[in-house]
Amino acid sequence: MLPKSPLATAMNYLLSNRDGLTCYLKDGHCDISNNTAENSIRPFTVGRKNWLFSNSPKGAKASAIVYSLIETAKANDLDPERYLKYLFEKLPNTANFKDAETLDQYLPWATKTQEKCKG
């Protein structure tokens, strides 16, 4: 194969990025494709012109956080509305809600969260 050919370029890319490209082999939950992630953010990116009307960077950041919560809930088979309601009702009344261990109990894949918010 010629050094400057498209095939040689592809092989060099593969060899120089092998660790990252084979990372999915280390965990059975990882998918070789990122289509699922891309499809979940598509509605967000299609509507990105709407972010021009967020009025402030803080407003845009808040919107991004909410969208992230919604898409993560969907990815974990939760009802997004039920999940957000659960978070808004429980977290403000939780002691140490900024503690990582406490927050772990409210993540979409936590057993109690799954029981309360399954779609």
PDB file of N, CA and C in Angstrom:
ATOM      1  N   MET A   1       0.848  -1.160   0.000  1.00  0.00           N
ATOM      2  CA  MET A   1       0.000   0.000   0.000  1.00  0.00           C
ATOM      3  C   MET A   1       0.900   1.231   0.000  1.00  0.00           C
ATOM      4  N   LEU A   2       0.495   2.214  -0.751  1.00  0.00           N
ATOM      5  CA  LEU A   2       1.270   3.439  -0.873  1.00  0.00           C
ATOM      6  C   LEU A   2       1.118   4.280   0.398  1.00  0.00           C
ATOM      7  N   PRO A   3       2.191   4.907   0.859  1.00  0.00           N
ATOM      8  CA  PRO A   3       2.159   5.655   2.123  1.00  0.00           C
ATOM      9  C   PRO A   3       1.108   6.768   2.179  1.00  0.00           C
ATOM     10  N   LYS A   4       0.819   7.405   1.063  1.00  0.00           N
ATOM     11  CA  LYS A   4      -0.123   8.529   1.044  1.00  0.00           C
ATOM     12  C   LYS A   4      -1.528   8.121   0.586  1.00  0.00           C
ATOM     13  N   SER A   5      -1.742   6.834   0.380  1.00  0.00           N
ATOM     14  CA  SER A   5      -3.052   6.373  -0.101  1.00  0.00           C
ATOM     15  C   SER A   5      -4.093   6.491   1.014  1.00  0.00           C
ATOM     16  N   PRO A   6      -5.381   6.570   0.656  1.00  0.00           N
ATOM     17  CA  PRO A   6      -6.436   6.635   1.671  1.00  0.00           C
ATOM     18  C   PRO A   6      -6.398   5.433   2.631  1.00  0.00           C
ATOM     19  N   LEU A   7      -6.071   4.249   2.109  1.00  0.00           N
ATOM     20  CA  LEU A   7      -6.008   3.067   2.965  1.00  0.00           C
ATOM     21  C   LEU A   7      -4.865   3.197   3.978  1.00  0.00           C
ATOM     22  N   ALA A   8      -3.713   3.678   3.550  1.00  0.00           N
ATOM     23  CA  ALA A   8      -2.582   3.868   4.456  1.00  0.00           C
ATOM     24  C   ALA A   8      -2.916   4.922   5.514  1.00  0.00           C
ATOM     25  N   THR A   9      -3.589   5.985   5.093  1.00  0.00           N
ATOM     26  CA  THR A   9      -4.002   7.023   6.043  1.00  0.00           C
ATOM     27  C   THR A   9      -4.946   6.441   7.093  1.00  0.00           C
ATOM     28  N   ALA A  10      -5.894   5.629   6.657  1.00  0.00           N
ATOM     29  CA  ALA A  10      -6.831   4.988   7.583  1.00  0.00           C
ATOM     30  C   ALA A  10      -6.111   4.034   8.532  1.00  0.00           C
ATOM     31  N   MET A  11      -5.180   3.270   8.021  1.00  0.00           N
ATOM     32  CA  MET A  11      -4.434   2.326   8.868  1.00  0.00           C
ATOM     33  C   MET A  11      -3.578   3.066   9.891  1.00  0.00           C
ATOM     34  N   ASN A  12      -2.942   4.151   9.473  1.00  0.00           N
ATOM     35  CA  ASN A  12      -2.151   4.950  10.416  1.00  0.00           C
ATOM     36  C   ASN A  12      -3.030   5.547  11.509  1.00  0.00           C
ATOM     37  N   TYR A  13      -4.214   5.997  11.129  1.00  0.00           N
ATOM     38  CA  TYR A  13      -5.169   6.526  12.110  1.00  0.00           C
ATOM     39  C   TYR A  13      -5.558   5.435  13.101  1.00  0.00           C
ATOM     40  N   LEU A  14      -5.873   4.267  12.588  1.00  0.00           N
ATOM     41  CA  LEU A  14      -6.253   3.131  13.427  1.00  0.00           C
ATOM     42  C   LEU A  14      -5.145   2.785  14.412  1.00  0.00           C
ATOM     43  N   LEU A  15      -3.933   2.683  13.930  1.00  0.00           N
ATOM     44  CA  LEU A  15      -2.808   2.296  14.783  1.00  0.00           C
ATOM     45  C   LEU A  15      -2.483   3.359  15.835  1.00  0.00           C
ATOM     46  N   SER A  16      -2.606   4.617  15.476  1.00  0.00           N
ATOM     47  CA  SER A  16      -2.264   5.670  16.437  1.00  0.00           C
ATOM     48  C   SER A  16      -3.385   5.910  17.462  1.00  0.00           C
ATOM     49  N   ASN A  17      -4.593   5.424  17.186  1.00  0.00           N
ATOM     50  CA  ASN A  17      -5.728   5.619  18.094  1.00  0.00           C
ATOM     51  C   ASN A  17      -6.306   4.294  18.589  1.00  0.00           C
ATOM     52  N   ARG A  18      -5.509   3.258  18.541  1.00  0.00           N
ATOM     53  CA  ARG A  18      -6.001   1.920  18.855  1.00  0.00           C
ATOM     54  C   ARG A  18      -6.631   1.833  20.252  1.00  0.00           C
ATOM     55  N   ASP A  19      -5.976   2.397  21.268  1.00  0.00           N
ATOM     56  CA  ASP A  19      -6.507   2.305  22.630  1.00  0.00           C
ATOM     57  C   ASP A  19      -7.921   2.889  22.724  1.00  0.00           C
ATOM     58  N   GLY A  20      -8.091   4.065  22.188  1.00  0.00           N
ATOM     59  CA  GLY A  20      -9.408   4.697  22.230  1.00  0.00           C
ATOM     60  C   GLY A  20     -10.442   3.972  21.391  1.00  0.00           C
ATOM     61  N   LEU A  21     -10.020   3.490  20.235  1.00  0.00           N
ATOM     62  CA  LEU A  21     -10.958   2.821  19.335  1.00  0.00           C
ATOM     63  C   LEU A  21     -11.402   1.451  19.852  1.00  0.00           C
ATOM     64  N   THR A  22     -10.596   0.820  20.686  1.00  0.00           N
ATOM     65  CA  THR A  22     -10.965  -0.497  21.208  1.00  0.00           C
ATOM     66  C   THR A  22     -11.462  -0.437  22.651  1.00  0.00           C
ATOM     67  N   CYS A  23     -11.633   0.755  23.165  1.00  0.00           N
ATOM     68  CA  CYS A  23     -12.091   0.943  24.549  1.00  0.00           C
ATOM     69  C   CYS A  23     -13.417   0.219  24.790  1.00  0.00           C
ATOM     70  N   TYR A  24     -14.292   0.204  23.811  1.00  0.00           N
ATOM     71  CA  TYR A  24     -15.602  -0.427  23.969  1.00  0.00           C
ATOM     72  C   TYR A  24     -15.494  -1.923  24.261  1.00  0.00           C
ATOM     73  N   LEU A  25     -14.368  -2.536  23.946  1.00  0.00           N
ATOM     74  CA  LEU A  25     -14.189  -3.966  24.203  1.00  0.00           C
ATOM     75  C   LEU A  25     -14.011  -4.265  25.691  1.00  0.00           C
ATOM     76  N   LYS A  26     -13.648  -3.275  26.479  1.00  0.00           N
ATOM     77  CA  LYS A  26     -13.390  -3.467  27.907  1.00  0.00           C
ATOM     78  C   LYS A  26     -14.672  -3.544  28.724  1.00  0.00           C
ATOM     79  N   ASP A  27     -15.763  -3.053  28.190  1.00  0.00           N
ATOM     80  CA  ASP A  27     -17.026  -3.029  28.927  1.00  0.00           C
ATOM     81  C   ASP A  27     -18.144  -3.483  27.996  1.00  0.00           C
ATOM     82  N   GLY A  28     -18.841  -4.517  28.401  1.00  0.00           N
ATOM     83  CA  GLY A  28     -19.912  -5.057  27.572  1.00  0.00           C
ATOM     84  C   GLY A  28     -21.081  -4.111  27.366  1.00  0.00           C
ATOM     85  N   HIS A  29     -21.168  -3.047  28.169  1.00  0.00           N
ATOM     86  CA  HIS A  29     -22.248  -2.082  28.017  1.00  0.00           C
ATOM     87  C   HIS A  29     -21.962  -1.063  26.923  1.00  0.00           C
ATOM     88  N   CYS A  30     -20.707  -0.943  26.537  1.00  0.00           N
ATOM     89  CA  CYS A  30     -20.328   0.045  25.528  1.00  0.00           C
ATOM     90  C   CYS A  30     -20.682  -0.463  24.134  1.00  0.00           C
ATOM     91  N   ASP A  31     -21.134   0.447  23.329  1.00  0.00           N
ATOM     92  CA  ASP A  31     -21.509   0.128  21.957  1.00  0.00           C
ATOM     93  C   ASP A  31     -20.404   0.603  21.021  1.00  0.00           C
ATOM     94  N   ILE A  32     -20.186  -0.126  19.947  1.00  0.00           N
ATOM     95  CA  ILE A  32     -19.153   0.264  18.985  1.00  0.00           C
ATOM     96  C   ILE A  32     -19.554   1.546  18.256  1.00  0.00           C
ATOM     97  N   SER A  33     -20.828   1.828  18.231  1.00  0.00           N
ATOM     98  CA  SER A  33     -21.336   3.004  17.536  1.00  0.00           C
ATOM     99  C   SER A  33     -21.828   4.038  18.544  1.00  0.00           C
ATOM    100  N   ASN A  34     -21.750   5.302  18.188  1.00  0.00           N
ATOM    101  CA  ASN A  34     -22.303   6.341  19.056  1.00  0.00           C
ATOM    102  C   ASN A  34     -23.640   6.854  18.511  1.00  0.00           C
ATOM    103  N   ASN A  35     -24.283   6.059  17.658  1.00  0.00           N
ATOM    104  CA  ASN A  35     -25.559   6.467  17.070  1.00  0.00           C
ATOM    105  C   ASN A  35     -26.615   6.762  18.127  1.00  0.00           C
ATOM    106  N   THR A  36     -26.661   5.964  19.198  1.00  0.00           N
ATOM    107  CA  THR A  36     -27.659   6.181  20.245  1.00  0.00           C
ATOM    108  C   THR A  36     -27.469   7.559  20.871  1.00  0.00           C
ATOM    109  N   ALA A  37     -26.233   7.895  21.194  1.00  0.00           N
ATOM    110  CA  ALA A  37     -25.957   9.214  21.784  1.00  0.00           C
ATOM    111  C   ALA A  37     -26.284  10.327  20.798  1.00  0.00           C
ATOM    112  N   GLU A  38     -25.906  10.151  19.548  1.00  0.00           N
ATOM    113  CA  GLU A  38     -26.185  11.177  18.539  1.00  0.00           C
ATOM    114  C   GLU A  38     -27.685  11.359  18.345  1.00  0.00           C
ATOM    115  N   ASN A  39     -28.431  10.257  18.305  1.00  0.00           N
ATOM    116  CA  ASN A  39     -29.876  10.358  18.119  1.00  0.00           C
ATOM    117  C   ASN A  39     -30.549  11.021  19.315  1.00  0.00           C
ATOM    118  N   SER A  40     -30.015  10.813  20.514  1.00  0.00           N
ATOM    119  CA  SER A  40     -30.640  11.407  21.695  1.00  0.00           C
ATOM    120  C   SER A  40     -30.421  12.915  21.755  1.00  0.00           C
ATOM    121  N   ILE A  41     -29.327  13.412  21.196  1.00  0.00           N
ATOM    122  CA  ILE A  41     -29.097  14.861  21.230  1.00  0.00           C
ATOM    123  C   ILE A  41     -29.584  15.573  19.975  1.00  0.00           C
ATOM    124  N   ARG A  42     -30.050  14.811  18.992  1.00  0.00           N
ATOM    125  CA  ARG A  42     -30.502  15.433  17.736  1.00  0.00           C
ATOM    126  C   ARG A  42     -31.592  16.482  17.965  1.00  0.00           C
ATOM    127  N   PRO A  43     -32.649  16.202  18.764  1.00  0.00           N
ATOM    128  CA  PRO A  43     -33.665  17.250  18.963  1.00  0.00           C
ATOM    129  C   PRO A  43     -33.072  18.511  19.581  1.00  0.00           C
ATOM    130  N   PHE A  44     -32.115  18.348  20.451  1.00  0.00           N
ATOM    131  CA  PHE A  44     -31.461  19.483  21.087  1.00  0.00           C
ATOM    132  C   PHE A  44     -30.682  20.303  20.062  1.00  0.00           C
ATOM    133  N   THR A  45     -29.934  19.620  19.187  1.00  0.00           N
ATOM    134  CA  THR A  45     -29.114  20.341  18.216  1.00  0.00           C
ATOM    135  C   THR A  45     -29.958  20.941  17.096  1.00  0.00           C
ATOM    136  N   VAL A  46     -31.042  20.269  16.726  1.00  0.00           N
ATOM    137  CA  VAL A  46     -31.917  20.815  15.686  1.00  0.00           C
ATOM    138  C   VAL A  46     -32.543  22.118  16.165  1.00  0.00           C
ATOM    139  N   GLY A  47     -32.864  22.188  17.450  1.00  0.00           N
ATOM    140  CA  GLY A  47     -33.481  23.395  17.999  1.00  0.00           C
ATOM    141  C   GLY A  47     -32.499  24.405  18.544  1.00  0.00           C
ATOM    142  N   ARG A  48     -31.225  24.290  18.183  1.00  0.00           N
ATOM    143  CA  ARG A  48     -30.221  25.157  18.793  1.00  0.00           C
ATOM    144  C   ARG A  48     -30.432  26.639  18.507  1.00  0.00           C
ATOM    145  N   LYS A  49     -31.137  26.957  17.422  1.00  0.00           N
ATOM    146  CA  LYS A  49     -31.408  28.376  17.178  1.00  0.00           C
ATOM    147  C   LYS A  49     -32.295  28.945  18.276  1.00  0.00           C
ATOM    148  N   ASN A  50     -33.064  28.072  18.928  1.00  0.00           N
ATOM    149  CA  ASN A  50     -33.895  28.537  20.042  1.00  0.00           C
ATOM    150  C   ASN A  50     -33.033  29.046  21.189  1.00  0.00           C
ATOM    151  N   TRP A  51     -31.791  28.560  21.280  1.00  0.00           N
ATOM    152  CA  TRP A  51     -30.917  28.976  22.381  1.00  0.00           C
ATOM    153  C   TRP A  51     -30.490  30.423  22.232  1.00  0.00           C
ATOM    154  N   LEU A  52     -30.677  30.979  21.055  1.00  0.00           N
ATOM    155  CA  LEU A  52     -30.368  32.393  20.875  1.00  0.00           C
ATOM    156  C   LEU A  52     -31.270  33.262  21.741  1.00  0.00           C
ATOM    157  N   PHE A  53     -32.392  32.691  22.166  1.00  0.00           N
ATOM    158  CA  PHE A  53     -33.373  33.436  22.936  1.00  0.00           C
ATOM    159  C   PHE A  53     -33.340  33.070  24.418  1.00  0.00           C
ATOM    160  N   SER A  54     -32.236  32.526  24.887  1.00  0.00           N
ATOM    161  CA  SER A  54     -32.122  32.142  26.292  1.00  0.00           C
ATOM    162  C   SER A  54     -31.895  33.343  27.206  1.00  0.00           C
ATOM    163  N   ASN A  55     -31.661  34.487  26.656  1.00  0.00           N
ATOM    164  CA  ASN A  55     -31.480  35.753  27.373  1.00  0.00           C
ATOM    165  C   ASN A  55     -30.156  35.891  28.112  1.00  0.00           C
ATOM    166  N   SER A  56     -29.539  34.803  28.517  1.00  0.00           N
ATOM    167  CA  SER A  56     -28.270  34.919  29.232  1.00  0.00           C
ATOM    168  C   SER A  56     -27.525  33.584  29.170  1.00  0.00           C
ATOM    169  N   PRO A  57     -26.229  33.622  29.396  1.00  0.00           N
ATOM    170  CA  PRO A  57     -25.475  32.364  29.458  1.00  0.00           C
ATOM    171  C   PRO A  57     -25.978  31.436  30.569  1.00  0.00           C
ATOM    172  N   LYS A  58     -26.402  32.029  31.698  1.00  0.00           N
ATOM    173  CA  LYS A  58     -26.932  31.205  32.795  1.00  0.00           C
ATOM    174  C   LYS A  58     -28.226  30.504  32.380  1.00  0.00           C
ATOM    175  N   GLY A  59     -29.059  31.212  31.623  1.00  0.00           N
ATOM    176  CA  GLY A  59     -30.301  30.606  31.135  1.00  0.00           C
ATOM    177  C   GLY A  59     -30.026  29.468  30.173  1.00  0.00           C
ATOM    178  N   ALA A  60     -29.046  29.664  29.291  1.00  0.00           N
ATOM    179  CA  ALA A  60     -28.670  28.610  28.348  1.00  0.00           C
ATOM    180  C   ALA A  60     -28.091  27.407  29.092  1.00  0.00           C
ATOM    181  N   LYS A  61     -27.285  27.679  30.115  1.00  0.00           N
ATOM    182  CA  LYS A  61     -26.706  26.588  30.912  1.00  0.00           C
ATOM    183  C   LYS A  61     -27.806  25.814  31.638  1.00  0.00           C
ATOM    184  N   ALA A  62     -28.767  26.524  32.210  1.00  0.00           N
ATOM    185  CA  ALA A  62     -29.879  25.865  32.906  1.00  0.00           C
ATOM    186  C   ALA A  62     -30.674  24.993  31.934  1.00  0.00           C
ATOM    187  N   SER A  63     -30.919  25.503  30.740  1.00  0.00           N
ATOM    188  CA  SER A  63     -31.639  24.724  29.729  1.00  0.00           C
ATOM    189  C   SER A  63     -30.852  23.471  29.347  1.00  0.00           C
ATOM    190  N   ALA A  64     -29.556  23.607  29.190  1.00  0.00           N
ATOM    191  CA  ALA A  64     -28.716  22.457  28.839  1.00  0.00           C
ATOM    192  C   ALA A  64     -28.751  21.404  29.942  1.00  0.00           C
ATOM    193  N   ILE A  65     -28.755  21.840  31.191  1.00  0.00           N
ATOM    194  CA  ILE A  65     -28.810  20.897  32.315  1.00  0.00           C
ATOM    195  C   ILE A  65     -30.130  20.137  32.302  1.00  0.00           C
ATOM    196  N   VAL A  66     -31.223  20.847  32.096  1.00  0.00           N
ATOM    197  CA  VAL A  66     -32.540  20.194  32.078  1.00  0.00           C
ATOM    198  C   VAL A  66     -32.622  19.207  30.917  1.00  0.00           C
ATOM    199  N   TYR A  67     -32.168  19.608  29.727  1.00  0.00           N
ATOM    200  CA  TYR A  67     -32.173  18.694  28.589  1.00  0.00           C
ATOM    201  C   TYR A  67     -31.310  17.463  28.864  1.00  0.00           C
ATOM    202  N   SER A  68     -30.204  17.676  29.513  1.00  0.00           N
ATOM    203  CA  SER A  68     -29.318  16.560  29.854  1.00  0.00           C
ATOM    204  C   SER A  68     -30.022  15.587  30.801  1.00  0.00           C
ATOM    205  N   LEU A  69     -30.713  16.119  31.792  1.00  0.00           N
ATOM    206  CA  LEU A  69     -31.471  15.271  32.719  1.00  0.00           C
ATOM    207  C   LEU A  69     -32.561  14.492  31.989  1.00  0.00           C
ATOM    208  N   ILE A  70     -33.255  15.164  31.103  1.00  0.00           N
ATOM    209  CA  ILE A  70     -34.345  14.526  30.358  1.00  0.00           C
ATOM    210  C   ILE A  70     -33.817  13.405  29.470  1.00  0.00           C
ATOM    211  N   GLU A  71     -32.762  13.684  28.721  1.00  0.00           N
ATOM    212  CA  GLU A  71     -32.220  12.664  27.816  1.00  0.00           C
ATOM    213  C   GLU A  71     -31.597  11.491  28.573  1.00  0.00           C
ATOM    214  N   THR A  72     -30.991  11.762  29.728  1.00  0.00           N
ATOM    215  CA  THR A  72     -30.432  10.681  30.543  1.00  0.00           C
ATOM    216  C   THR A  72     -31.553   9.828  31.110  1.00  0.00           C
ATOM    217  N   ALA A  73     -32.649  10.453  31.510  1.00  0.00           N
ATOM    218  CA  ALA A  73     -33.811   9.696  31.995  1.00  0.00           C
ATOM    219  C   ALA A  73     -34.348   8.798  30.882  1.00  0.00           C
ATOM    220  N   LYS A  74     -34.497   9.347  29.683  1.00  0.00           N
ATOM    221  CA  LYS A  74     -34.978   8.541  28.551  1.00  0.00           C
ATOM    222  C   LYS A  74     -34.042   7.369  28.268  1.00  0.00           C
ATOM    223  N   ALA A  75     -32.744   7.619  28.308  1.00  0.00           N
ATOM    224  CA  ALA A  75     -31.758   6.569  28.024  1.00  0.00           C
ATOM    225  C   ALA A  75     -31.811   5.449  29.052  1.00  0.00           C
ATOM    226  N   ASN A  76     -32.352   5.743  30.245  1.00  0.00           N
ATOM    227  CA  ASN A  76     -32.459   4.742  31.307  1.00  0.00           C
ATOM    228  C   ASN A  76     -33.897   4.258  31.499  1.00  0.00           C
ATOM    229  N   ASP A  77     -34.717   4.453  30.473  1.00  0.00           N
ATOM    230  CA  ASP A  77     -36.110   3.995  30.463  1.00  0.00           C
ATOM    231  C   ASP A  77     -36.954   4.569  31.592  1.00  0.00           C
ATOM    232  N   LEU A  78     -36.696   5.806  31.958  1.00  0.00           N
ATOM    233  CA  LEU A  78     -37.504   6.483  32.961  1.00  0.00           C
ATOM    234  C   LEU A  78     -38.466   7.432  32.267  1.00  0.00           C
ATOM    235  N   ASP A  79     -39.557   7.730  32.930  1.00  0.00           N
ATOM    236  CA  ASP A  79     -40.477   8.752  32.459  1.00  0.00           C
ATOM    237  C   ASP A  79     -39.835  10.094  32.830  1.00  0.00           C
ATOM    238  N   PRO A  80     -39.413  10.898  31.843  1.00  0.00           N
ATOM    239  CA  PRO A  80     -38.694  12.139  32.150  1.00  0.00           C
ATOM    240  C   PRO A  80     -39.459  13.082  33.069  1.00  0.00           C
ATOM    241  N   GLU A  81     -40.762  13.217  32.856  1.00  0.00           N
ATOM    242  CA  GLU A  81     -41.558  14.116  33.704  1.00  0.00           C
ATOM    243  C   GLU A  81     -41.586  13.612  35.144  1.00  0.00           C
ATOM    244  N   ARG A  82     -41.783  12.318  35.303  1.00  0.00           N
ATOM    245  CA  ARG A  82     -41.802  11.718  36.637  1.00  0.00           C
ATOM    246  C   ARG A  82     -40.433  11.857  37.314  1.00  0.00           C
ATOM    247  N   TYR A  83     -39.369  11.678  36.535  1.00  0.00           N
ATOM    248  CA  TYR A  83     -38.016  11.789  37.080  1.00  0.00           C
ATOM    249  C   TYR A  83     -37.724  13.214  37.550  1.00  0.00           C
ATOM    250  N   LEU A  84     -38.052  14.216  36.720  1.00  0.00           N
ATOM    251  CA  LEU A  84     -37.823  15.602  37.122  1.00  0.00           C
ATOM    252  C   LEU A  84     -38.640  15.957  38.357  1.00  0.00           C
ATOM    253  N   LYS A  85     -39.887  15.518  38.402  1.00  0.00           N
ATOM    254  CA  LYS A  85     -40.738  15.773  39.566  1.00  0.00           C
ATOM    255  C   LYS A  85     -40.122  15.131  40.809  1.00  0.00           C
ATOM    256  N   TYR A  86     -39.658  13.902  40.660  1.00  0.00           N
ATOM    257  CA  TYR A  86     -39.009  13.179  41.759  1.00  0.00           C
ATOM    258  C   TYR A  86     -37.801  13.969  42.271  1.00  0.00           C
ATOM    259  N   LEU A  87     -36.951  14.442  41.365  1.00  0.00           N
ATOM    260  CA  LEU A  87     -35.770  15.220  41.762  1.00  0.00           C
ATOM    261  C   LEU A  87     -36.162  16.524  42.448  1.00  0.00           C
ATOM    262  N   PHE A  88     -37.120  17.241  41.869  1.00  0.00           N
ATOM    263  CA  PHE A  88     -37.507  18.537  42.419  1.00  0.00           C
ATOM    264  C   PHE A  88     -38.205  18.413  43.773  1.00  0.00           C
ATOM    265  N   GLU A  89     -38.856  17.285  44.005  1.00  0.00           N
ATOM    266  CA  GLU A  89     -39.510  17.077  45.301  1.00  0.00           C
ATOM    267  C   GLU A  89     -38.535  16.581  46.362  1.00  0.00           C
ATOM    268  N   LYS A  90     -37.630  15.695  45.983  1.00  0.00           N
ATOM    269  CA  LYS A  90     -36.767  15.037  46.958  1.00  0.00           C
ATOM    270  C   LYS A  90     -35.476  15.791  47.267  1.00  0.00           C
ATOM    271  N   LEU A  91     -34.771  16.262  46.255  1.00  0.00           N
ATOM    272  CA  LEU A  91     -33.451  16.852  46.480  1.00  0.00           C
ATOM    273  C   LEU A  91     -33.436  18.068  47.406  1.00  0.00           C
ATOM    274  N   PRO A  92     -34.364  19.012  47.273  1.00  0.00           N
ATOM    275  CA  PRO A  92     -34.306  20.172  48.169  1.00  0.00           C
ATOM    276  C   PRO A  92     -34.457  19.802  49.650  1.00  0.00           C
ATOM    277  N   ASN A  93     -35.115  18.695  49.935  1.00  0.00           N
ATOM    278  CA  ASN A  93     -35.342  18.275  51.317  1.00  0.00           C
ATOM    279  C   ASN A  93     -34.335  17.233  51.789  1.00  0.00           C
ATOM    280  N   THR A  94     -33.302  17.009  51.013  1.00  0.00           N
ATOM    281  CA  THR A  94     -32.309  15.995  51.338  1.00  0.00           C
ATOM    282  C   THR A  94     -31.092  16.658  51.982  1.00  0.00           C
ATOM    283  N   ALA A  95     -30.699  16.128  53.141  1.00  0.00           N
ATOM    284  CA  ALA A  95     -29.495  16.642  53.800  1.00  0.00           C
ATOM    285  C   ALA A  95     -28.284  16.246  52.957  1.00  0.00           C
ATOM    286  N   ASN A  96     -27.309  17.111  52.880  1.00  0.00           N
ATOM    287  CA  ASN A  96     -26.064  16.854  52.124  1.00  0.00           C
ATOM    288  C   ASN A  96     -26.333  16.519  50.657  1.00  0.00           C
ATOM    289  N   PHE A  97     -27.286  17.205  50.034  1.00  0.00           N
ATOM    290  CA  PHE A  97     -27.624  16.852  48.650  1.00  0.00           C
ATOM    291  C   PHE A  97     -26.509  17.167  47.660  1.00  0.00           C
ATOM    292  N   LYS A  98     -25.465  17.854  48.092  1.00  0.00           N
ATOM    293  CA  LYS A  98     -24.324  18.097  47.214  1.00  0.00           C
ATOM    294  C   LYS A  98     -23.244  17.031  47.372  1.00  0.00           C
ATOM    295  N   ASP A  99     -23.427  16.127  48.312  1.00  0.00           N
ATOM    296  CA  ASP A  99     -22.488  15.035  48.548  1.00  0.00           C
ATOM    297  C   ASP A  99     -22.637  13.986  47.441  1.00  0.00           C
ATOM    298  N   ALA A 100     -21.524  13.503  46.900  1.00  0.00           N
ATOM    299  CA  ALA A 100     -21.547  12.553  45.780  1.00  0.00           C
ATOM    300  C   ALA A 100     -22.308  11.281  46.123  1.00  0.00           C
ATOM    301  N   GLU A 101     -22.113  10.745  47.313  1.00  0.00           N
ATOM    302  CA  GLU A 101     -22.815   9.504  47.703  1.00  0.00           C
ATOM    303  C   GLU A 101     -24.313   9.722  47.793  1.00  0.00           C
ATOM    304  N   THR A 102     -24.712  10.878  48.299  1.00  0.00           N
ATOM    305  CA  THR A 102     -26.139  11.192  48.387  1.00  0.00           C
ATOM    306  C   THR A 102     -26.726  11.334  46.991  1.00  0.00           C
ATOM    307  N   LEU A 103     -26.022  12.034  46.113  1.00  0.00           N
ATOM    308  CA  LEU A 103     -26.516  12.227  44.747  1.00  0.00           C
ATOM    309  C   LEU A 103     -26.612  10.908  43.983  1.00  0.00           C
ATOM    310  N   ASP A 104     -25.714   9.966  44.275  1.00  0.00           N
ATOM    311  CA  ASP A 104     -25.752   8.662  43.608  1.00  0.00           C
ATOM    312  C   ASP A 104     -27.113   7.992  43.752  1.00  0.00           C
ATOM    313  N   GLN A 105     -27.802   8.245  44.854  1.00  0.00           N
ATOM    314  CA  GLN A 105     -29.119   7.634  45.102  1.00  0.00           C
ATOM    315  C   GLN A 105     -30.194   8.174  44.164  1.00  0.00           C
ATOM    316  N   TYR A 106     -29.922   9.317  43.539  1.00  0.00           N
ATOM    317  CA  TYR A 106     -30.913   9.953  42.667  1.00  0.00           C
ATOM    318  C   TYR A 106     -30.571   9.851  41.183  1.00  0.00           C
ATOM    319  N   LEU A 107     -29.485   9.171  40.870  1.00  0.00           N
ATOM    320  CA  LEU A 107     -29.119   9.004  39.466  1.00  0.00           C
ATOM    321  C   LEU A 107     -30.124   8.070  38.784  1.00  0.00           C
ATOM    322  N   PRO A 108     -30.324   8.213  37.487  1.00  0.00           N
ATOM    323  CA  PRO A 108     -31.359   7.452  36.778  1.00  0.00           C
ATOM    324  C   PRO A 108     -31.216   5.936  36.889  1.00  0.00           C
ATOM    325  N   TRP A 109     -30.031   5.440  37.111  1.00  0.00           N
ATOM    326  CA  TRP A 109     -29.830   3.993  37.190  1.00  0.00           C
ATOM    327  C   TRP A 109     -29.880   3.468  38.619  1.00  0.00           C
ATOM    328  N   ALA A 110     -30.081   4.336  39.613  1.00  0.00           N
ATOM    329  CA  ALA A 110     -30.206   3.893  41.001  1.00  0.00           C
ATOM    330  C   ALA A 110     -31.500   3.109  41.172  1.00  0.00           C
ATOM    331  N   THR A 111     -31.446   2.067  41.973  1.00  0.00           N
ATOM    332  CA  THR A 111     -32.587   1.154  42.142  1.00  0.00           C
ATOM    333  C   THR A 111     -33.850   1.891  42.568  1.00  0.00           C
ATOM    334  N   LYS A 112     -33.755   2.729  43.602  1.00  0.00           N
ATOM    335  CA  LYS A 112     -34.933   3.430  44.101  1.00  0.00           C
ATOM    336  C   LYS A 112     -35.491   4.380  43.029  1.00  0.00           C
ATOM    337  N   THR A 113     -34.621   5.064  42.321  1.00  0.00           N
ATOM    338  CA  THR A 113     -35.049   5.958  41.257  1.00  0.00           C
ATOM    339  C   THR A 113     -35.762   5.181  40.161  1.00  0.00           C
ATOM    340  N   GLN A 114     -35.208   4.034  39.798  1.00  0.00           N
ATOM    341  CA  GLN A 114     -35.850   3.175  38.784  1.00  0.00           C
ATOM    342  C   GLN A 114     -37.252   2.770  39.237  1.00  0.00           C
ATOM    343  N   GLU A 115     -37.394   2.393  40.506  1.00  0.00           N
ATOM    344  CA  GLU A 115     -38.692   1.968  41.030  1.00  0.00           C
ATOM    345  C   GLU A 115     -39.711   3.106  40.986  1.00  0.00           C
ATOM    346  N   LYS A 116     -39.282   4.312  41.311  1.00  0.00           N
ATOM    347  CA  LYS A 116     -40.200   5.464  41.410  1.00  0.00           C
ATOM    348  C   LYS A 116     -40.520   6.090  40.048  1.00  0.00           C
ATOM    349  N   CYS A 117     -39.620   5.976  39.091  1.00  0.00           N
ATOM    350  CA  CYS A 117     -39.752   6.770  37.859  1.00  0.00           C
ATOM    351  C   CYS A 117     -39.795   5.970  36.573  1.00  0.00           C
ATOM    352  N   LYS A 118     -39.886   4.658  36.654  1.00  0.00           N
ATOM    353  CA  LYS A 118     -39.887   3.821  35.447  1.00  0.00           C
ATOM    354  C   LYS A 118     -41.004   4.264  34.514  1.00  0.00           C
ATOM    355  N   GLY A 119     -40.673   4.351  33.229  1.00  0.00           N
ATOM    356  CA  GLY A 119     -41.620   4.828  32.217  1.00  0.00           C
ATOM    357  C   GLY A 119     -42.656   3.855  31.795  1.00  0.00           C
TER     358      GLY A 119
END
